[in-house]
Amino acid sequence: GYASFSDVIAQLRSWQATRIRDRQLALAGALRQMSTDVGGLARA
């Protein structure tokens, strides 16, 4: 399914980039939820 091993590497790096991005988004979501729980006063 791969034309060359560079295609294998590209797929591995793509999967890795997706995992890193998903972790960052999850962290941002968790922090945003924490902030929402604190309430609007802290935002102001």
PDB file of all heavy atoms in Angstrom:
ATOM      1  N   GLY A   1       0.788  -1.227   0.000  1.00  0.00           N
ATOM      2  CA  GLY A   1       0.000   0.000   0.000  1.00  0.00           C
ATOM      3  C   GLY A   1       0.819   1.275   0.000  1.00  0.00           C
ATOM      4  O   GLY A   1       0.262   2.376  -0.018  1.00  0.00           O
ATOM      5  N   TYR A   2       2.134   1.139   0.029  1.00  0.00           N
ATOM      6  CA  TYR A   2       3.012   2.310   0.060  1.00  0.00           C
ATOM      7  C   TYR A   2       3.933   2.295  -1.151  1.00  0.00           C
ATOM      8  O   TYR A   2       4.528   1.259  -1.475  1.00  0.00           O
ATOM      9  CB  TYR A   2       3.871   2.317   1.332  1.00  0.00           C
ATOM     10  CG  TYR A   2       3.070   2.299   2.610  1.00  0.00           C
ATOM     11  CD1 TYR A   2       2.822   1.102   3.280  1.00  0.00           C
ATOM     12  CD2 TYR A   2       2.574   3.480   3.157  1.00  0.00           C
ATOM     13  CE1 TYR A   2       2.099   1.077   4.471  1.00  0.00           C
ATOM     14  CE2 TYR A   2       1.849   3.464   4.334  1.00  0.00           C
ATOM     15  CZ  TYR A   2       1.612   2.261   4.980  1.00  0.00           C
ATOM     16  OH  TYR A   2       0.902   2.248   6.159  1.00  0.00           O
ATOM     17  N   ALA A   3       4.063   3.438  -1.785  1.00  0.00           N
ATOM     18  CA  ALA A   3       4.972   3.531  -2.922  1.00  0.00           C
ATOM     19  C   ALA A   3       6.426   3.448  -2.479  1.00  0.00           C
ATOM     20  O   ALA A   3       7.271   2.909  -3.193  1.00  0.00           O
ATOM     21  CB  ALA A   3       4.726   4.833  -3.681  1.00  0.00           C
ATOM     22  N   SER A   4       6.715   3.972  -1.311  1.00  0.00           N
ATOM     23  CA  SER A   4       8.082   3.974  -0.786  1.00  0.00           C
ATOM     24  C   SER A   4       8.023   4.061   0.725  1.00  0.00           C
ATOM     25  O   SER A   4       6.950   4.287   1.320  1.00  0.00           O
ATOM     26  CB  SER A   4       8.872   5.170  -1.341  1.00  0.00           C
ATOM     27  OG  SER A   4       8.313   6.390  -0.869  1.00  0.00           O
ATOM     28  N   PHE A   5       9.173   3.908   1.354  1.00  0.00           N
ATOM     29  CA  PHE A   5       9.185   3.990   2.814  1.00  0.00           C
ATOM     30  C   PHE A   5       8.971   5.423   3.295  1.00  0.00           C
ATOM     31  O   PHE A   5       8.523   5.634   4.407  1.00  0.00           O
ATOM     32  CB  PHE A   5      10.503   3.439   3.380  1.00  0.00           C
ATOM     33  CG  PHE A   5      10.432   3.178   4.852  1.00  0.00           C
ATOM     34  CD1 PHE A   5       9.604   2.194   5.368  1.00  0.00           C
ATOM     35  CD2 PHE A   5      11.185   3.939   5.749  1.00  0.00           C
ATOM     36  CE1 PHE A   5       9.529   1.954   6.737  1.00  0.00           C
ATOM     37  CE2 PHE A   5      11.119   3.700   7.110  1.00  0.00           C
ATOM     38  CZ  PHE A   5      10.278   2.715   7.609  1.00  0.00           C
ATOM     39  N   SER A   6       9.265   6.404   2.466  1.00  0.00           N
ATOM     40  CA  SER A   6       8.992   7.791   2.844  1.00  0.00           C
ATOM     41  C   SER A   6       7.494   8.007   3.044  1.00  0.00           C
ATOM     42  O   SER A   6       7.083   8.832   3.873  1.00  0.00           O
ATOM     43  CB  SER A   6       9.529   8.760   1.791  1.00  0.00           C
ATOM     44  OG  SER A   6       8.893   8.550   0.548  1.00  0.00           O
ATOM     45  N   ASP A   7       6.661   7.245   2.318  1.00  0.00           N
ATOM     46  CA  ASP A   7       5.216   7.327   2.515  1.00  0.00           C
ATOM     47  C   ASP A   7       4.821   6.735   3.870  1.00  0.00           C
ATOM     48  O   ASP A   7       3.890   7.219   4.524  1.00  0.00           O
ATOM     49  CB  ASP A   7       4.479   6.578   1.408  1.00  0.00           C
ATOM     50  CG  ASP A   7       4.606   7.275   0.062  1.00  0.00           C
ATOM     51  OD1 ASP A   7       4.848   8.500   0.066  1.00  0.00           O
ATOM     52  OD2 ASP A   7       4.473   6.600  -0.971  1.00  0.00           O
ATOM     53  N   VAL A   8       5.526   5.701   4.276  1.00  0.00           N
ATOM     54  CA  VAL A   8       5.285   5.118   5.598  1.00  0.00           C
ATOM     55  C   VAL A   8       5.610   6.145   6.679  1.00  0.00           C
ATOM     56  O   VAL A   8       4.840   6.351   7.628  1.00  0.00           O
ATOM     57  CB  VAL A   8       6.147   3.850   5.797  1.00  0.00           C
ATOM     58  CG1 VAL A   8       5.938   3.281   7.192  1.00  0.00           C
ATOM     59  CG2 VAL A   8       5.822   2.807   4.736  1.00  0.00           C
ATOM     60  N   ILE A   9       6.751   6.797   6.533  1.00  0.00           N
ATOM     61  CA  ILE A   9       7.160   7.812   7.501  1.00  0.00           C
ATOM     62  C   ILE A   9       6.152   8.954   7.545  1.00  0.00           C
ATOM     63  O   ILE A   9       5.775   9.439   8.616  1.00  0.00           O
ATOM     64  CB  ILE A   9       8.566   8.336   7.156  1.00  0.00           C
ATOM     65  CG1 ILE A   9       9.602   7.227   7.316  1.00  0.00           C
ATOM     66  CG2 ILE A   9       8.926   9.533   8.030  1.00  0.00           C
ATOM     67  CD1 ILE A   9      10.979   7.605   6.801  1.00  0.00           C
ATOM     68  N   ALA A  10       5.695   9.378   6.358  1.00  0.00           N
ATOM     69  CA  ALA A  10       4.724  10.471   6.296  1.00  0.00           C
ATOM     70  C   ALA A  10       3.444  10.110   7.038  1.00  0.00           C
ATOM     71  O   ALA A  10       2.857  10.952   7.729  1.00  0.00           O
ATOM     72  CB  ALA A  10       4.419  10.818   4.841  1.00  0.00           C
ATOM     73  N   GLN A  11       3.003   8.869   6.910  1.00  0.00           N
ATOM     74  CA  GLN A  11       1.798   8.448   7.605  1.00  0.00           C
ATOM     75  C   GLN A  11       2.011   8.429   9.117  1.00  0.00           C
ATOM     76  O   GLN A  11       1.156   8.886   9.887  1.00  0.00           O
ATOM     77  CB  GLN A  11       1.353   7.072   7.134  1.00  0.00           C
ATOM     78  CG  GLN A  11       0.025   6.634   7.750  1.00  0.00           C
ATOM     79  CD  GLN A  11      -0.456   5.325   7.199  1.00  0.00           C
ATOM     80  OE1 GLN A  11       0.073   4.276   7.529  1.00  0.00           O
ATOM     81  NE2 GLN A  11      -1.476   5.383   6.347  1.00  0.00           N
ATOM     82  N   LEU A  12       3.153   7.922   9.558  1.00  0.00           N
ATOM     83  CA  LEU A  12       3.447   7.907  10.987  1.00  0.00           C
ATOM     84  C   LEU A  12       3.464   9.321  11.555  1.00  0.00           C
ATOM     85  O   LEU A  12       2.918   9.583  12.634  1.00  0.00           O
ATOM     86  CB  LEU A  12       4.803   7.241  11.246  1.00  0.00           C
ATOM     87  CG  LEU A  12       4.876   5.725  11.095  1.00  0.00           C
ATOM     88  CD1 LEU A  12       6.314   5.254  11.325  1.00  0.00           C
ATOM     89  CD2 LEU A  12       3.937   5.027  12.060  1.00  0.00           C
ATOM     90  N   ARG A  13       4.087  10.244  10.835  1.00  0.00           N
ATOM     91  CA  ARG A  13       4.172  11.622  11.319  1.00  0.00           C
ATOM     92  C   ARG A  13       2.803  12.296  11.298  1.00  0.00           C
ATOM     93  O   ARG A  13       2.496  13.138  12.156  1.00  0.00           O
ATOM     94  CB  ARG A  13       5.174  12.416  10.486  1.00  0.00           C
ATOM     95  CG  ARG A  13       6.597  11.881  10.587  1.00  0.00           C
ATOM     96  CD  ARG A  13       7.599  12.865  10.038  1.00  0.00           C
ATOM     97  NE  ARG A  13       7.691  14.050  10.885  1.00  0.00           N
ATOM     98  CZ  ARG A  13       8.402  15.131  10.575  1.00  0.00           C
ATOM     99  NH1 ARG A  13       9.088  15.171   9.445  1.00  0.00           N
ATOM    100  NH2 ARG A  13       8.429  16.164  11.391  1.00  0.00           N
ATOM    101  N   SER A  14       1.978  11.935  10.336  1.00  0.00           N
ATOM    102  CA  SER A  14       0.620  12.468  10.295  1.00  0.00           C
ATOM    103  C   SER A  14      -0.190  11.993  11.490  1.00  0.00           C
ATOM    104  O   SER A  14      -0.885  12.774  12.148  1.00  0.00           O
ATOM    105  CB  SER A  14      -0.064  12.042   8.993  1.00  0.00           C
ATOM    106  OG  SER A  14      -1.430  12.405   9.000  1.00  0.00           O
ATOM    107  N   TRP A  15      -0.116  10.697  11.784  1.00  0.00           N
ATOM    108  CA  TRP A  15      -0.813  10.167  12.958  1.00  0.00           C
ATOM    109  C   TRP A  15      -0.315  10.842  14.232  1.00  0.00           C
ATOM    110  O   TRP A  15      -1.105  11.185  15.119  1.00  0.00           O
ATOM    111  CB  TRP A  15      -0.588   8.665  13.055  1.00  0.00           C
ATOM    112  CG  TRP A  15      -1.285   7.853  12.000  1.00  0.00           C
ATOM    113  CD1 TRP A  15      -2.340   8.243  11.224  1.00  0.00           C
ATOM    114  CD2 TRP A  15      -0.976   6.513  11.609  1.00  0.00           C
ATOM    115  NE1 TRP A  15      -2.705   7.241  10.368  1.00  0.00           N
ATOM    116  CE2 TRP A  15      -1.900   6.151  10.586  1.00  0.00           C
ATOM    117  CE3 TRP A  15      -0.034   5.572  12.012  1.00  0.00           C
ATOM    118  CZ2 TRP A  15      -1.887   4.907   9.975  1.00  0.00           C
ATOM    119  CZ3 TRP A  15      -0.013   4.330  11.395  1.00  0.00           C
ATOM    120  CH2 TRP A  15      -0.938   3.994  10.395  1.00  0.00           C
ATOM    121  N   GLN A  16       0.993  11.024  14.322  1.00  0.00           N
ATOM    122  CA  GLN A  16       1.561  11.643  15.512  1.00  0.00           C
ATOM    123  C   GLN A  16       1.088  13.095  15.652  1.00  0.00           C
ATOM    124  O   GLN A  16       0.725  13.536  16.752  1.00  0.00           O
ATOM    125  CB  GLN A  16       3.084  11.598  15.445  1.00  0.00           C
ATOM    126  CG  GLN A  16       3.773  12.128  16.694  1.00  0.00           C
ATOM    127  CD  GLN A  16       5.282  12.008  16.590  1.00  0.00           C
ATOM    128  OE1 GLN A  16       5.877  12.382  15.574  1.00  0.00           O
ATOM    129  NE2 GLN A  16       5.912  11.486  17.619  1.00  0.00           N
ATOM    130  N   ALA A  17       1.090  13.842  14.554  1.00  0.00           N
ATOM    131  CA  ALA A  17       0.638  15.234  14.596  1.00  0.00           C
ATOM    132  C   ALA A  17      -0.819  15.318  15.043  1.00  0.00           C
ATOM    133  O   ALA A  17      -1.198  16.218  15.805  1.00  0.00           O
ATOM    134  CB  ALA A  17       0.815  15.890  13.230  1.00  0.00           C
ATOM    135  N   THR A  18      -1.625  14.368  14.589  1.00  0.00           N
ATOM    136  CA  THR A  18      -3.035  14.351  14.987  1.00  0.00           C
ATOM    137  C   THR A  18      -3.165  14.098  16.484  1.00  0.00           C
ATOM    138  O   THR A  18      -3.969  14.745  17.174  1.00  0.00           O
ATOM    139  CB  THR A  18      -3.801  13.275  14.200  1.00  0.00           C
ATOM    140  OG1 THR A  18      -3.728  13.580  12.802  1.00  0.00           O
ATOM    141  CG2 THR A  18      -5.247  13.216  14.628  1.00  0.00           C
ATOM    142  N   ARG A  19      -2.375  13.157  17.011  1.00  0.00           N
ATOM    143  CA  ARG A  19      -2.438  12.874  18.445  1.00  0.00           C
ATOM    144  C   ARG A  19      -2.016  14.094  19.272  1.00  0.00           C
ATOM    145  O   ARG A  19      -2.633  14.412  20.286  1.00  0.00           O
ATOM    146  CB  ARG A  19      -1.539  11.680  18.790  1.00  0.00           C
ATOM    147  CG  ARG A  19      -2.037  10.343  18.275  1.00  0.00           C
ATOM    148  CD  ARG A  19      -1.317   9.179  18.943  1.00  0.00           C
ATOM    149  NE  ARG A  19       0.116   9.239  18.751  1.00  0.00           N
ATOM    150  CZ  ARG A  19       0.754   8.684  17.722  1.00  0.00           C
ATOM    151  NH1 ARG A  19       0.060   8.038  16.793  1.00  0.00           N
ATOM    152  NH2 ARG A  19       2.069   8.760  17.614  1.00  0.00           N
ATOM    153  N   ILE A  20      -0.942  14.751  18.836  1.00  0.00           N
ATOM    154  CA  ILE A  20      -0.474  15.931  19.558  1.00  0.00           C
ATOM    155  C   ILE A  20      -1.532  17.022  19.534  1.00  0.00           C
ATOM    156  O   ILE A  20      -1.831  17.655  20.552  1.00  0.00           O
ATOM    157  CB  ILE A  20       0.848  16.437  18.956  1.00  0.00           C
ATOM    158  CG1 ILE A  20       1.967  15.415  19.219  1.00  0.00           C
ATOM    159  CG2 ILE A  20       1.228  17.795  19.534  1.00  0.00           C
ATOM    160  CD1 ILE A  20       3.265  15.732  18.502  1.00  0.00           C
ATOM    161  N   ARG A  21      -2.114  17.247  18.363  1.00  0.00           N
ATOM    162  CA  ARG A  21      -3.150  18.274  18.241  1.00  0.00           C
ATOM    163  C   ARG A  21      -4.363  17.925  19.102  1.00  0.00           C
ATOM    164  O   ARG A  21      -4.922  18.796  19.782  1.00  0.00           O
ATOM    165  CB  ARG A  21      -3.575  18.398  16.776  1.00  0.00           C
ATOM    166  CG  ARG A  21      -4.629  19.496  16.532  1.00  0.00           C
ATOM    167  CD  ARG A  21      -5.314  19.270  15.212  1.00  0.00           C
ATOM    168  NE  ARG A  21      -6.008  17.987  15.214  1.00  0.00           N
ATOM    169  CZ  ARG A  21      -6.458  17.394  14.110  1.00  0.00           C
ATOM    170  NH1 ARG A  21      -6.239  17.932  12.934  1.00  0.00           N
ATOM    171  NH2 ARG A  21      -7.095  16.240  14.190  1.00  0.00           N
ATOM    172  N   ASP A  22      -4.768  16.661  19.098  1.00  0.00           N
ATOM    173  CA  ASP A  22      -5.937  16.257  19.894  1.00  0.00           C
ATOM    174  C   ASP A  22      -5.682  16.460  21.385  1.00  0.00           C
ATOM    175  O   ASP A  22      -6.588  16.859  22.130  1.00  0.00           O
ATOM    176  CB  ASP A  22      -6.293  14.800  19.616  1.00  0.00           C
ATOM    177  CG  ASP A  22      -6.889  14.596  18.226  1.00  0.00           C
ATOM    178  OD1 ASP A  22      -7.247  15.604  17.587  1.00  0.00           O
ATOM    179  OD2 ASP A  22      -6.980  13.434  17.785  1.00  0.00           O
ATOM    180  N   ARG A  23      -4.441  16.175  21.834  1.00  0.00           N
ATOM    181  CA  ARG A  23      -4.123  16.412  23.250  1.00  0.00           C
ATOM    182  C   ARG A  23      -4.213  17.894  23.583  1.00  0.00           C
ATOM    183  O   ARG A  23      -4.696  18.280  24.654  1.00  0.00           O
ATOM    184  CB  ARG A  23      -2.721  15.883  23.572  1.00  0.00           C
ATOM    185  CG  ARG A  23      -2.602  14.370  23.625  1.00  0.00           C
ATOM    186  CD  ARG A  23      -1.282  13.963  24.268  1.00  0.00           C
ATOM    187  NE  ARG A  23      -1.083  12.537  24.213  1.00  0.00           N
ATOM    188  CZ  ARG A  23      -0.367  11.913  23.284  1.00  0.00           C
ATOM    189  NH1 ARG A  23       0.225  12.621  22.347  1.00  0.00           N
ATOM    190  NH2 ARG A  23      -0.225  10.610  23.301  1.00  0.00           N
ATOM    191  N   GLN A  24      -3.703  18.724  22.687  1.00  0.00           N
ATOM    192  CA  GLN A  24      -3.746  20.166  22.933  1.00  0.00           C
ATOM    193  C   GLN A  24      -5.182  20.665  22.990  1.00  0.00           C
ATOM    194  O   GLN A  24      -5.533  21.489  23.847  1.00  0.00           O
ATOM    195  CB  GLN A  24      -2.962  20.895  21.842  1.00  0.00           C
ATOM    196  CG  GLN A  24      -1.464  20.643  21.901  1.00  0.00           C
ATOM    197  CD  GLN A  24      -0.729  21.187  20.688  1.00  0.00           C
ATOM    198  OE1 GLN A  24      -1.322  21.394  19.630  1.00  0.00           O
ATOM    199  NE2 GLN A  24       0.560  21.425  20.833  1.00  0.00           N
ATOM    200  N   LEU A  25      -6.022  20.171  22.072  1.00  0.00           N
ATOM    201  CA  LEU A  25      -7.426  20.580  22.071  1.00  0.00           C
ATOM    202  C   LEU A  25      -8.143  20.086  23.315  1.00  0.00           C
ATOM    203  O   LEU A  25      -8.986  20.790  23.882  1.00  0.00           O
ATOM    204  CB  LEU A  25      -8.125  20.050  20.815  1.00  0.00           C
ATOM    205  CG  LEU A  25      -7.665  20.669  19.487  1.00  0.00           C
ATOM    206  CD1 LEU A  25      -8.350  19.970  18.314  1.00  0.00           C
ATOM    207  CD2 LEU A  25      -7.961  22.162  19.461  1.00  0.00           C
ATOM    208  N   ALA A  26      -7.798  18.871  23.741  1.00  0.00           N
ATOM    209  CA  ALA A  26      -8.421  18.332  24.947  1.00  0.00           C
ATOM    210  C   ALA A  26      -8.030  19.151  26.174  1.00  0.00           C
ATOM    211  O   ALA A  26      -8.858  19.428  27.044  1.00  0.00           O
ATOM    212  CB  ALA A  26      -8.023  16.866  25.143  1.00  0.00           C
ATOM    213  N   LEU A  27      -6.741  19.550  26.232  1.00  0.00           N
ATOM    214  CA  LEU A  27      -6.289  20.375  27.344  1.00  0.00           C
ATOM    215  C   LEU A  27      -7.002  21.716  27.336  1.00  0.00           C
ATOM    216  O   LEU A  27      -7.464  22.197  28.378  1.00  0.00           O
ATOM    217  CB  LEU A  27      -4.775  20.582  27.257  1.00  0.00           C
ATOM    218  CG  LEU A  27      -4.166  21.544  28.291  1.00  0.00           C
ATOM    219  CD1 LEU A  27      -4.418  21.048  29.703  1.00  0.00           C
ATOM    220  CD2 LEU A  27      -2.681  21.727  28.046  1.00  0.00           C
ATOM    221  N   ALA A  28      -7.111  22.316  26.151  1.00  0.00           N
ATOM    222  CA  ALA A  28      -7.795  23.601  26.056  1.00  0.00           C
ATOM    223  C   ALA A  28      -9.256  23.477  26.471  1.00  0.00           C
ATOM    224  O   ALA A  28      -9.792  24.335  27.178  1.00  0.00           O
ATOM    225  CB  ALA A  28      -7.698  24.135  24.627  1.00  0.00           C
ATOM    226  N   GLY A  29      -9.899  22.376  26.049  1.00  0.00           N
ATOM    227  CA  GLY A  29     -11.290  22.167  26.429  1.00  0.00           C
ATOM    228  C   GLY A  29     -11.462  21.985  27.920  1.00  0.00           C
ATOM    229  O   GLY A  29     -12.396  22.521  28.526  1.00  0.00           O
ATOM    230  N   ALA A  30     -10.537  21.224  28.515  1.00  0.00           N
ATOM    231  CA  ALA A  30     -10.618  21.009  29.964  1.00  0.00           C
ATOM    232  C   ALA A  30     -10.417  22.316  30.727  1.00  0.00           C
ATOM    233  O   ALA A  30     -11.124  22.604  31.702  1.00  0.00           O
ATOM    234  CB  ALA A  30      -9.569  19.982  30.392  1.00  0.00           C
ATOM    235  N   LEU A  31      -9.450  23.104  30.278  1.00  0.00           N
ATOM    236  CA  LEU A  31      -9.207  24.380  30.944  1.00  0.00           C
ATOM    237  C   LEU A  31     -10.382  25.332  30.757  1.00  0.00           C
ATOM    238  O   LEU A  31     -10.748  26.072  31.673  1.00  0.00           O
ATOM    239  CB  LEU A  31      -7.925  25.014  30.395  1.00  0.00           C
ATOM    240  CG  LEU A  31      -6.632  24.275  30.710  1.00  0.00           C
ATOM    241  CD1 LEU A  31      -5.470  24.927  29.975  1.00  0.00           C
ATOM    242  CD2 LEU A  31      -6.366  24.261  32.200  1.00  0.00           C
ATOM    243  N   ARG A  32     -10.970  25.301  29.566  1.00  0.00           N
ATOM    244  CA  ARG A  32     -12.123  26.159  29.322  1.00  0.00           C
ATOM    245  C   ARG A  32     -13.292  25.754  30.212  1.00  0.00           C
ATOM    246  O   ARG A  32     -14.018  26.596  30.742  1.00  0.00           O
ATOM    247  CB  ARG A  32     -12.515  26.086  27.849  1.00  0.00           C
ATOM    248  CG  ARG A  32     -13.576  27.097  27.459  1.00  0.00           C
ATOM    249  CD  ARG A  32     -13.853  27.051  25.956  1.00  0.00           C
ATOM    250  NE  ARG A  32     -12.702  27.524  25.223  1.00  0.00           N
ATOM    251  CZ  ARG A  32     -11.944  26.756  24.465  1.00  0.00           C
ATOM    252  NH1 ARG A  32     -12.199  25.463  24.373  1.00  0.00           N
ATOM    253  NH2 ARG A  32     -10.922  27.247  23.812  1.00  0.00           N
ATOM    254  N   GLN A  33     -13.485  24.447  30.392  1.00  0.00           N
ATOM    255  CA  GLN A  33     -14.559  23.975  31.252  1.00  0.00           C
ATOM    256  C   GLN A  33     -14.308  24.389  32.692  1.00  0.00           C
ATOM    257  O   GLN A  33     -15.237  24.794  33.407  1.00  0.00           O
ATOM    258  CB  GLN A  33     -14.687  22.449  31.164  1.00  0.00           C
ATOM    259  CG  GLN A  33     -15.853  21.875  31.974  1.00  0.00           C
ATOM    260  CD  GLN A  33     -17.187  22.419  31.510  1.00  0.00           C
ATOM    261  OE1 GLN A  33     -17.464  22.454  30.313  1.00  0.00           O
ATOM    262  NE2 GLN A  33     -18.008  22.872  32.455  1.00  0.00           N
ATOM    263  N   MET A  34     -13.042  24.292  33.125  1.00  0.00           N
ATOM    264  CA  MET A  34     -12.708  24.746  34.474  1.00  0.00           C
ATOM    265  C   MET A  34     -13.052  26.219  34.649  1.00  0.00           C
ATOM    266  O   MET A  34     -13.606  26.635  35.666  1.00  0.00           O
ATOM    267  CB  MET A  34     -11.214  24.531  34.743  1.00  0.00           C
ATOM    268  CG  MET A  34     -10.805  23.088  34.920  1.00  0.00           C
ATOM    269  SD  MET A  34      -8.998  22.907  34.980  1.00  0.00           S
ATOM    270  CE  MET A  34      -8.624  24.004  36.360  1.00  0.00           C
ATOM    271  N   SER A  35     -12.749  26.997  33.620  1.00  0.00           N
ATOM    272  CA  SER A  35     -13.017  28.428  33.693  1.00  0.00           C
ATOM    273  C   SER A  35     -14.511  28.700  33.737  1.00  0.00           C
ATOM    274  O   SER A  35     -14.974  29.579  34.450  1.00  0.00           O
ATOM    275  CB  SER A  35     -12.401  29.134  32.489  1.00  0.00           C
ATOM    276  OG  SER A  35     -11.017  28.910  32.451  1.00  0.00           O
ATOM    277  N   THR A  36     -15.280  27.930  32.953  1.00  0.00           N
ATOM    278  CA  THR A  36     -16.727  28.113  32.945  1.00  0.00           C
ATOM    279  C   THR A  36     -17.313  27.809  34.315  1.00  0.00           C
ATOM    280  O   THR A  36     -18.219  28.505  34.791  1.00  0.00           O
ATOM    281  CB  THR A  36     -17.363  27.188  31.890  1.00  0.00           C
ATOM    282  OG1 THR A  36     -16.814  27.502  30.617  1.00  0.00           O
ATOM    283  CG2 THR A  36     -18.874  27.368  31.850  1.00  0.00           C
ATOM    284  N   ASP A  37     -16.792  26.790  34.980  1.00  0.00           N
ATOM    285  CA  ASP A  37     -17.280  26.428  36.306  1.00  0.00           C
ATOM    286  C   ASP A  37     -17.022  27.530  37.318  1.00  0.00           C
ATOM    287  O   ASP A  37     -17.790  27.711  38.259  1.00  0.00           O
ATOM    288  CB  ASP A  37     -16.613  25.124  36.778  1.00  0.00           C
ATOM    289  CG  ASP A  37     -17.043  23.933  35.930  1.00  0.00           C
ATOM    290  OD1 ASP A  37     -18.080  24.050  35.240  1.00  0.00           O
ATOM    291  OD2 ASP A  37     -16.332  22.909  35.947  1.00  0.00           O
ATOM    292  N   VAL A  38     -15.937  28.243  37.138  1.00  0.00           N
ATOM    293  CA  VAL A  38     -15.630  29.317  38.082  1.00  0.00           C
ATOM    294  C   VAL A  38     -16.669  30.422  37.998  1.00  0.00           C
ATOM    295  O   VAL A  38     -17.018  31.047  38.991  1.00  0.00           O
ATOM    296  CB  VAL A  38     -14.224  29.889  37.808  1.00  0.00           C
ATOM    297  CG1 VAL A  38     -13.971  31.136  38.615  1.00  0.00           C
ATOM    298  CG2 VAL A  38     -13.179  28.826  38.130  1.00  0.00           C
ATOM    299  N   GLY A  39     -17.188  30.668  36.770  1.00  0.00           N
ATOM    300  CA  GLY A  39     -18.248  31.660  36.630  1.00  0.00           C
ATOM    301  C   GLY A  39     -17.814  32.901  35.894  1.00  0.00           C
ATOM    302  O   GLY A  39     -16.638  33.107  35.609  1.00  0.00           O
ATOM    303  N   GLY A  40     -18.790  33.739  35.603  1.00  0.00           N
ATOM    304  CA  GLY A  40     -18.552  34.935  34.826  1.00  0.00           C
ATOM    305  C   GLY A  40     -17.761  35.997  35.553  1.00  0.00           C
ATOM    306  O   GLY A  40     -17.151  36.855  34.930  1.00  0.00           O
ATOM    307  N   LEU A  41     -17.757  35.971  36.885  1.00  0.00           N
ATOM    308  CA  LEU A  41     -17.043  37.001  37.629  1.00  0.00           C
ATOM    309  C   LEU A  41     -15.556  36.976  37.324  1.00  0.00           C
ATOM    310  O   LEU A  41     -14.936  38.023  37.105  1.00  0.00           O
ATOM    311  CB  LEU A  41     -17.266  36.819  39.132  1.00  0.00           C
ATOM    312  CG  LEU A  41     -16.543  37.816  40.034  1.00  0.00           C
ATOM    313  CD1 LEU A  41     -16.994  39.243  39.709  1.00  0.00           C
ATOM    314  CD2 LEU A  41     -16.790  37.494  41.505  1.00  0.00           C
ATOM    315  N   ALA A  42     -14.974  35.791  37.297  1.00  0.00           N
ATOM    316  CA  ALA A  42     -13.545  35.683  37.011  1.00  0.00           C
ATOM    317  C   ALA A  42     -13.241  36.195  35.605  1.00  0.00           C
ATOM    318  O   ALA A  42     -12.217  36.820  35.374  1.00  0.00           O
ATOM    319  CB  ALA A  42     -13.079  34.232  37.148  1.00  0.00           C
ATOM    320  N   ARG A  43     -14.174  35.934  34.671  1.00  0.00           N
ATOM    321  CA  ARG A  43     -13.964  36.410  33.307  1.00  0.00           C
ATOM    322  C   ARG A  43     -13.938  37.932  33.263  1.00  0.00           C
ATOM    323  O   ARG A  43     -13.096  38.552  32.606  1.00  0.00           O
ATOM    324  CB  ARG A  43     -15.059  35.874  32.380  1.00  0.00           C
ATOM    325  CG  ARG A  43     -14.920  36.321  30.952  1.00  0.00           C
ATOM    326  CD  ARG A  43     -15.977  35.722  30.039  1.00  0.00           C
ATOM    327  NE  ARG A  43     -15.825  34.300  29.938  1.00  0.00           N
ATOM    328  CZ  ARG A  43     -16.626  33.416  30.521  1.00  0.00           C
ATOM    329  NH1 ARG A  43     -17.640  33.826  31.263  1.00  0.00           N
ATOM    330  NH2 ARG A  43     -16.422  32.130  30.405  1.00  0.00           N
ATOM    331  N   ALA A  44     -14.872  38.535  33.959  1.00  0.00           N
ATOM    332  CA  ALA A  44     -14.922  39.994  33.986  1.00  0.00           C
ATOM    333  C   ALA A  44     -13.678  40.563  34.642  1.00  0.00           C
ATOM    334  O   ALA A  44     -13.105  41.553  34.190  1.00  0.00           O
ATOM    335  CB  ALA A  44     -16.168  40.451  34.729  1.00  0.00           C
TER     336      ALA A  44
END
